Amino acid sequence: MNIELWKSKVATYNETLNELLKSNQEAKELYYGFDVIDGQLIDKAEVLFIGVNPGKGSGELHHTVVMENEKPSYLDVYLEDYRKIYKRPYRLAEYAVDVFKGLGFTDDKIEAFFEKNCIKTNLYHIITNNQGDIKKALKAVGKEKEYYEKSCEFSFDLIKATQPKLVIFEGKSVYDAIVYDCCWATDTWNHESQTGYYFIEDLNVHCIGFKRNGIGGIEADVKDVIAIIQSKSILKNN
């Protein structure tokens, strides 16, 4: 599968689901819309970030499907008025930047690398206030089980289509959805460090997951992810 075919399949499914959700008043009040790629869909990206679901941004109930955005929102941490735009720190973005700083990347190189060599997406493309509202909205239209299965399928297909060197799963539930439910790999999670590592051999893709709000907080997550990347020689700062 190539990225254009992937994009077409995902757009068709999300557009159909969006119309169904809009037609149900309970579901309509629980979701904001769909956001698929945070930035641009890059062929043969080096790093793929997969989170849980998109943030609600401006909070507007736009009920539309957005496939791509101009730039990844992780670069917002470099904006001059970042602290004014974000009332609370954008933890995942700061975490991602800190990981690459720990690998020896300069700020300029991080900005260029994130824009040209990284893809940021989520397991669920639907925008809600929280994970609980995802289930409620999908249950209201009888699509809860199907949506989980499709979300796993689309995420794994994106990995196959882009074949990045590294996939970073931002949350244990996301890691489990792909590594366990799609790859059937067990015993890959380190319960002490609250991180996971798995190598998809036929795709030559390294997978790292971390538990958000795990032991030691985000600072510990950063150190653990850096340690795995370095021990496996996954990325080089040339």
Protein backbone atom coordinates (compact mmCIF):
# COMPACT_ATOMS: atom_id res chain seq x y z
CA MET A 1 0.00 0.00 0.00
CA ASN A 2 1.27 3.50 -0.85
CA ILE A 3 0.43 6.68 1.04
CA GLU A 4 -2.02 7.97 -1.57
CA LEU A 5 -4.09 4.80 -1.35
CA TRP A 6 -3.90 4.96 2.43
CA LYS A 7 -5.05 8.57 2.40
CA SER A 8 -7.97 7.75 0.12
CA LYS A 9 -9.15 4.82 2.28
CA VAL A 10 -8.91 6.81 5.50
CA ALA A 11 -10.66 9.85 4.03
CA THR A 12 -13.54 7.77 2.67
CA TYR A 13 -14.09 5.95 5.95
CA ASN A 14 -13.85 9.07 8.11
CA GLU A 15 -16.17 11.08 5.85
CA THR A 16 -18.80 8.33 5.99
CA LEU A 17 -18.48 8.03 9.77
CA ASN A 18 -18.59 11.80 10.17
CA GLU A 19 -21.94 11.99 8.36
CA LEU A 20 -23.31 9.22 10.58
CA LEU A 21 -22.15 10.93 13.77
CA LYS A 22 -23.58 14.28 12.66
CA SER A 23 -26.98 12.66 12.15
CA ASN A 24 -27.10 11.47 15.78
CA GLN A 25 -27.71 14.25 18.31
CA GLU A 26 -26.03 12.47 21.23
CA ALA A 27 -22.91 11.70 19.22
CA LYS A 28 -22.85 15.16 17.64
CA GLU A 29 -22.51 16.79 21.05
CA LEU A 30 -19.59 14.54 22.02
CA TYR A 31 -17.15 15.07 19.15
CA TYR A 32 -15.60 18.06 17.37
CA GLY A 33 -14.60 16.54 14.03
CA PHE A 34 -11.68 14.49 12.66
CA ASP A 35 -8.00 15.39 12.35
CA VAL A 36 -5.86 12.74 10.68
CA ILE A 37 -2.30 14.01 10.15
CA ASP A 38 -0.85 16.70 12.40
CA GLY A 39 1.31 18.27 9.69
CA GLN A 40 1.99 16.72 6.29
CA LEU A 41 1.90 13.07 5.24
CA ILE A 42 5.51 12.38 4.26
CA ASP A 43 6.58 9.39 2.19
CA LYS A 44 9.40 7.40 3.83
CA ALA A 45 9.47 9.45 7.02
CA GLU A 46 12.13 8.53 9.56
CA VAL A 47 9.93 8.88 12.65
CA LEU A 48 6.21 8.31 13.11
CA PHE A 49 4.52 9.55 16.29
CA ILE A 50 1.19 7.90 17.13
CA GLY A 51 -0.85 9.35 19.97
CA VAL A 52 -4.31 8.50 21.29
CA ASN A 53 -6.54 11.12 19.64
CA PRO A 54 -6.19 14.75 18.54
CA GLY A 55 -6.49 17.68 20.89
CA LYS A 56 -9.55 19.87 20.49
CA GLY A 57 -7.54 22.93 19.43
CA SER A 58 -9.80 25.98 19.32
CA GLY A 59 -12.70 23.95 20.72
CA GLU A 60 -14.85 24.59 17.66
CA LEU A 61 -17.40 21.88 16.85
CA HIS A 62 -16.58 21.95 13.12
CA HIS A 63 -17.70 18.36 12.40
CA THR A 64 -15.46 18.06 9.36
CA VAL A 65 -12.61 15.76 8.34
CA VAL A 66 -9.17 17.40 8.11
CA MET A 67 -6.64 15.09 6.47
CA GLU A 68 -3.47 17.21 6.77
CA ASN A 69 -2.26 20.45 8.33
CA GLU A 70 0.38 22.96 7.27
CA LYS A 71 2.92 22.07 9.98
CA PRO A 72 3.08 19.64 12.89
CA SER A 73 1.76 21.26 16.07
CA TYR A 74 4.84 20.03 17.95
CA LEU A 75 6.69 22.95 16.38
CA ASP A 76 4.43 25.35 18.30
CA VAL A 77 6.83 25.09 21.24
CA TYR A 78 9.22 27.22 19.17
CA LEU A 79 6.70 30.03 18.65
CA GLU A 80 7.55 33.30 20.38
CA ASP A 81 4.11 33.45 22.03
CA TYR A 82 3.89 29.70 22.76
CA ARG A 83 3.11 30.27 26.45
CA LYS A 84 0.29 32.66 25.53
CA ILE A 85 -1.26 30.33 22.94
CA TYR A 86 -1.20 27.30 25.23
CA LYS A 87 -2.72 27.98 28.65
CA ARG A 88 -1.23 24.69 29.83
CA PRO A 89 2.13 23.33 28.65
CA TYR A 90 1.92 21.16 25.52
CA ARG A 91 3.52 18.20 27.28
CA LEU A 92 3.76 15.75 24.38
CA ALA A 93 5.36 18.37 22.14
CA GLU A 94 7.85 19.35 24.84
CA TYR A 95 8.56 15.67 25.45
CA ALA A 96 9.25 15.03 21.75
CA VAL A 97 11.60 18.02 21.56
CA ASP A 98 13.40 16.92 24.74
CA VAL A 99 13.94 13.42 23.31
CA PHE A 100 15.69 14.82 20.25
CA LYS A 101 17.68 17.32 22.30
CA GLY A 102 18.84 14.37 24.36
CA LEU A 103 19.99 12.73 21.13
CA GLY A 104 22.16 15.75 20.37
CA PHE A 105 19.91 17.62 17.92
CA THR A 106 20.05 21.42 17.96
CA ASP A 107 16.81 23.43 17.98
CA ASP A 108 17.25 24.35 14.30
CA LYS A 109 17.79 20.73 13.37
CA ILE A 110 14.78 19.60 15.40
CA GLU A 111 12.53 22.09 13.61
CA ALA A 112 13.76 20.95 10.20
CA PHE A 113 13.62 17.26 11.15
CA PHE A 114 10.07 17.44 12.52
CA GLU A 115 8.82 19.23 9.44
CA LYS A 116 10.58 17.12 6.81
CA ASN A 117 11.25 13.74 8.39
CA CYS A 118 8.45 13.12 10.89
CA ILE A 119 4.76 12.26 10.77
CA LYS A 120 2.46 12.87 13.71
CA THR A 121 -0.92 11.12 13.83
CA ASN A 122 -3.16 9.34 16.32
CA LEU A 123 -4.73 5.93 16.73
CA TYR A 124 -8.15 7.60 16.75
CA HIS A 125 -8.69 10.47 14.33
CA ILE A 126 -11.86 11.64 16.06
CA ILE A 127 -11.56 14.77 18.22
CA THR A 128 -13.18 14.63 21.67
CA ASN A 129 -12.63 16.03 25.14
CA ASN A 130 -11.37 12.69 26.43
CA GLN A 131 -11.08 8.98 25.60
CA GLY A 132 -14.35 8.22 27.33
CA ASP A 133 -16.23 10.44 24.89
CA ILE A 134 -14.78 8.48 21.96
CA LYS A 135 -16.52 5.34 23.19
CA LYS A 136 -19.74 7.20 23.99
CA ALA A 137 -19.94 8.84 20.56
CA LEU A 138 -19.19 5.65 18.64
CA LYS A 139 -21.52 3.59 20.83
CA ALA A 140 -24.36 6.00 20.09
CA VAL A 141 -24.15 5.03 16.39
CA GLY A 142 -23.28 1.36 16.92
CA LYS A 143 -19.69 1.68 15.65
CA GLU A 144 -17.58 1.29 18.81
CA LYS A 145 -16.05 -2.12 17.98
CA GLU A 146 -15.71 -1.42 14.26
CA TYR A 147 -14.02 1.92 14.88
CA TYR A 148 -11.37 0.39 17.14
CA GLU A 149 -10.62 -2.29 14.54
CA LYS A 150 -10.47 0.26 11.72
CA SER A 151 -8.26 2.57 13.78
CA CYS A 152 -5.78 -0.25 14.39
CA GLU A 153 -5.90 -1.24 10.71
CA PHE A 154 -5.30 2.32 9.49
CA SER A 155 -2.43 2.89 11.93
CA PHE A 156 -0.69 -0.36 11.03
CA ASP A 157 -1.24 0.29 7.31
CA LEU A 158 0.37 3.72 7.74
CA ILE A 159 3.43 2.06 9.27
CA LYS A 160 3.58 -0.34 6.32
CA ALA A 161 3.05 2.45 3.77
CA THR A 162 5.71 4.80 5.16
CA GLN A 163 8.09 2.28 6.77
CA PRO A 164 9.74 4.72 9.18
CA LYS A 165 12.87 3.81 11.08
CA LEU A 166 11.07 4.45 14.35
CA VAL A 167 7.49 4.55 15.61
CA ILE A 168 6.93 6.24 18.97
CA PHE A 169 3.64 5.26 20.59
CA GLU A 170 2.49 7.99 22.96
CA GLY A 171 0.69 5.83 25.49
CA LYS A 172 0.56 2.17 26.49
CA SER A 173 -2.94 1.69 25.06
CA VAL A 174 -1.69 2.78 21.63
CA TYR A 175 1.40 0.56 21.89
CA ASP A 176 -0.78 -2.42 22.82
CA ALA A 177 -3.24 -1.73 19.99
CA ILE A 178 -0.50 -2.11 17.37
CA VAL A 179 2.22 -4.30 18.91
CA TYR A 180 -0.13 -6.74 20.63
CA ASP A 181 -3.38 -6.60 18.61
CA CYS A 182 -1.79 -6.21 15.14
CA CYS A 183 1.62 -7.90 15.53
CA TRP A 184 0.57 -10.41 18.20
CA ALA A 185 3.78 -9.70 20.09
CA THR A 186 3.67 -10.42 23.82
CA ASP A 187 6.08 -9.76 26.69
CA THR A 188 7.53 -6.64 25.07
CA TRP A 189 6.57 -4.22 27.85
CA ASN A 190 8.98 -3.32 30.66
CA HIS A 191 6.76 -2.83 33.72
CA GLU A 192 9.62 -1.33 35.73
CA SER A 193 10.37 1.51 33.33
CA GLN A 194 6.82 1.60 31.89
CA THR A 195 8.18 1.50 28.34
CA GLY A 196 7.92 -1.00 25.53
CA TYR A 197 10.14 -1.99 22.63
CA TYR A 198 9.40 -4.18 19.63
CA PHE A 199 11.10 -4.63 16.26
CA ILE A 200 8.85 -5.38 13.27
CA GLU A 201 11.36 -7.49 11.40
CA ASP A 202 9.65 -7.78 8.02
CA LEU A 203 9.25 -3.98 7.86
CA ASN A 204 12.57 -3.11 9.54
CA VAL A 205 10.71 -0.77 11.90
CA HIS A 206 11.59 -0.13 15.55
CA CYS A 207 8.66 0.51 17.92
CA ILE A 208 8.92 2.30 21.26
CA GLY A 209 6.04 3.00 23.60
CA PHE A 210 5.81 4.80 26.91
CA LYS A 211 3.09 5.07 29.52
CA ARG A 212 1.96 8.65 29.86
CA ASN A 213 2.12 9.76 33.49
CA GLY A 214 4.21 6.71 34.24
CA ILE A 215 6.68 6.19 37.05
CA GLY A 216 8.92 9.24 37.46
CA GLY A 217 6.82 11.45 35.18
CA ILE A 218 7.60 12.72 31.72
CA GLU A 219 11.25 13.40 32.55
CA ALA A 220 11.75 9.69 33.19
CA ASP A 221 9.89 8.85 29.97
CA VAL A 222 12.27 11.06 28.00
CA LYS A 223 15.35 9.42 29.50
CA ASP A 224 13.99 5.91 28.95
CA VAL A 225 13.08 6.55 25.30
CA ILE A 226 16.46 8.15 24.61
CA ALA A 227 18.18 5.14 26.19
CA ILE A 228 16.28 2.70 23.95
CA ILE A 229 16.98 4.73 20.79
CA GLN A 230 20.68 4.89 21.62
CA SER A 231 20.99 1.24 22.65
CA LYS A 232 19.42 0.10 19.39
CA SER A 233 21.29 2.71 17.28
CA ILE A 234 18.00 3.70 15.63
CA LEU A 235 18.63 7.35 14.81
CA LYS A 236 21.86 9.14 14.04
CA ASN A 237 22.40 12.87 14.41
CA ASN A 238 24.50 13.52 11.32
